[in-house]
Amino acid sequence: MTVPPEVRMGNQIAQQFANLPPAEAAAAIARHIENFWEPRMRHTLEALVAAGDDSLEPLLVDAVGRLVAG
């Protein structure tokens, strides 16, 4: 099974911010994705979160929720 690049990259970003308190980490991840990812990649990631992809880091899922709500 091939891991989509959005999952791989998103999980790597989440791991980079994992040392922060969870709410702060999720906000930082959301800012990073909003600032540096192209819309198509964000939409793919949002769809993966909506589908309940269990390979996503919990901090990443929280961050995507913040992007969608924001």
C-alpha atoms as a PDB file:
ATOM      1  CA  MET A   1       0.000   0.000   0.000  1.00  0.00           C
ATOM      2  CA  THR A   2       1.336   3.398  -0.995  1.00  0.00           C
ATOM      3  CA  VAL A   3       1.156   6.216   1.532  1.00  0.00           C
ATOM      4  CA  PRO A   4      -0.066   9.457  -0.036  1.00  0.00           C
ATOM      5  CA  PRO A   5       2.577  12.206   0.072  1.00  0.00           C
ATOM      6  CA  GLU A   6       0.201  14.441   2.036  1.00  0.00           C
ATOM      7  CA  VAL A   7       0.067  11.843   4.816  1.00  0.00           C
ATOM      8  CA  ARG A   8       3.821  11.334   4.876  1.00  0.00           C
ATOM      9  CA  MET A   9       4.616  15.050   4.858  1.00  0.00           C
ATOM     10  CA  GLY A  10       1.822  15.977   7.260  1.00  0.00           C
ATOM     11  CA  ASN A  11       2.927  13.338   9.755  1.00  0.00           C
ATOM     12  CA  GLN A  12       6.516  14.570   9.513  1.00  0.00           C
ATOM     13  CA  ILE A  13       5.389  18.119  10.256  1.00  0.00           C
ATOM     14  CA  ALA A  14       3.325  16.877  13.208  1.00  0.00           C
ATOM     15  CA  GLN A  15       6.361  15.062  14.586  1.00  0.00           C
ATOM     16  CA  GLN A  16       8.419  18.257  14.334  1.00  0.00           C
ATOM     17  CA  PHE A  17       5.939  20.116  16.542  1.00  0.00           C
ATOM     18  CA  ALA A  18       5.178  17.233  18.918  1.00  0.00           C
ATOM     19  CA  ASN A  19       7.341  18.746  21.666  1.00  0.00           C
ATOM     20  CA  LEU A  20       4.917  21.667  22.073  1.00  0.00           C
ATOM     21  CA  PRO A  21       1.712  21.542  24.132  1.00  0.00           C
ATOM     22  CA  PRO A  22      -0.989  19.894  21.962  1.00  0.00           C
ATOM     23  CA  ALA A  23      -3.082  23.000  21.254  1.00  0.00           C
ATOM     24  CA  GLU A  24       0.001  25.042  20.399  1.00  0.00           C
ATOM     25  CA  ALA A  25       1.367  22.254  18.222  1.00  0.00           C
ATOM     26  CA  ALA A  26      -1.896  21.871  16.293  1.00  0.00           C
ATOM     27  CA  ALA A  27      -2.046  25.633  15.701  1.00  0.00           C
ATOM     28  CA  ALA A  28       1.576  25.672  14.468  1.00  0.00           C
ATOM     29  CA  ILE A  29       0.939  22.728  12.138  1.00  0.00           C
ATOM     30  CA  ALA A  30      -2.178  24.417  10.755  1.00  0.00           C
ATOM     31  CA  ARG A  31      -0.228  27.646  10.126  1.00  0.00           C
ATOM     32  CA  HIS A  32       2.532  25.730   8.371  1.00  0.00           C
ATOM     33  CA  ILE A  33       0.097  23.878   6.106  1.00  0.00           C
ATOM     34  CA  GLU A  34      -1.831  27.066   5.348  1.00  0.00           C
ATOM     35  CA  ASN A  35       1.344  29.010   4.525  1.00  0.00           C
ATOM     36  CA  PHE A  36       3.320  26.437   2.559  1.00  0.00           C
ATOM     37  CA  TRP A  37       0.997  23.850   1.038  1.00  0.00           C
ATOM     38  CA  GLU A  38      -0.791  24.462  -2.239  1.00  0.00           C
ATOM     39  CA  PRO A  39      -4.611  24.288  -2.106  1.00  0.00           C
ATOM     40  CA  ARG A  40      -4.794  20.952  -3.917  1.00  0.00           C
ATOM     41  CA  MET A  41      -2.592  19.321  -1.275  1.00  0.00           C
ATOM     42  CA  ARG A  42      -4.659  20.856   1.544  1.00  0.00           C
ATOM     43  CA  HIS A  43      -7.874  19.575  -0.024  1.00  0.00           C
ATOM     44  CA  THR A  44      -6.436  16.079  -0.344  1.00  0.00           C
ATOM     45  CA  LEU A  45      -5.372  16.131   3.304  1.00  0.00           C
ATOM     46  CA  GLU A  46      -8.792  17.418   4.380  1.00  0.00           C
ATOM     47  CA  ALA A  47     -10.446  14.576   2.450  1.00  0.00           C
ATOM     48  CA  LEU A  48      -8.179  12.011   4.115  1.00  0.00           C
ATOM     49  CA  VAL A  49      -9.062  13.377   7.556  1.00  0.00           C
ATOM     50  CA  ALA A  50     -12.776  13.386   6.678  1.00  0.00           C
ATOM     51  CA  ALA A  51     -12.482   9.759   5.551  1.00  0.00           C
ATOM     52  CA  GLY A  52     -10.969   8.833   8.916  1.00  0.00           C
ATOM     53  CA  ASP A  53      -7.571   7.739   7.609  1.00  0.00           C
ATOM     54  CA  ASP A  54      -5.998   6.070  10.647  1.00  0.00           C
ATOM     55  CA  SER A  55      -2.430   6.619   9.425  1.00  0.00           C
ATOM     56  CA  LEU A  56      -2.611  10.326  10.287  1.00  0.00           C
ATOM     57  CA  GLU A  57      -0.990  11.627  13.473  1.00  0.00           C
ATOM     58  CA  PRO A  58      -3.594  12.917  15.968  1.00  0.00           C
ATOM     59  CA  LEU A  59      -1.943  16.367  16.039  1.00  0.00           C
ATOM     60  CA  LEU A  60      -2.271  16.539  12.263  1.00  0.00           C
ATOM     61  CA  VAL A  61      -5.953  15.636  12.444  1.00  0.00           C
ATOM     62  CA  ASP A  62      -6.463  18.396  15.022  1.00  0.00           C
ATOM     63  CA  ALA A  63      -4.577  20.870  12.822  1.00  0.00           C
ATOM     64  CA  VAL A  64      -6.676  20.030   9.770  1.00  0.00           C
ATOM     65  CA  GLY A  65      -9.821  20.493  11.845  1.00  0.00           C
ATOM     66  CA  ARG A  66      -8.580  23.974  12.727  1.00  0.00           C
ATOM     67  CA  LEU A  67      -7.954  24.743   9.044  1.00  0.00           C
ATOM     68  CA  VAL A  68     -11.416  23.616   8.033  1.00  0.00           C
ATOM     69  CA  ALA A  69     -13.053  25.576  10.853  1.00  0.00           C
ATOM     70  CA  GLY A  70     -10.898  28.630  10.321  1.00  0.00           C
END
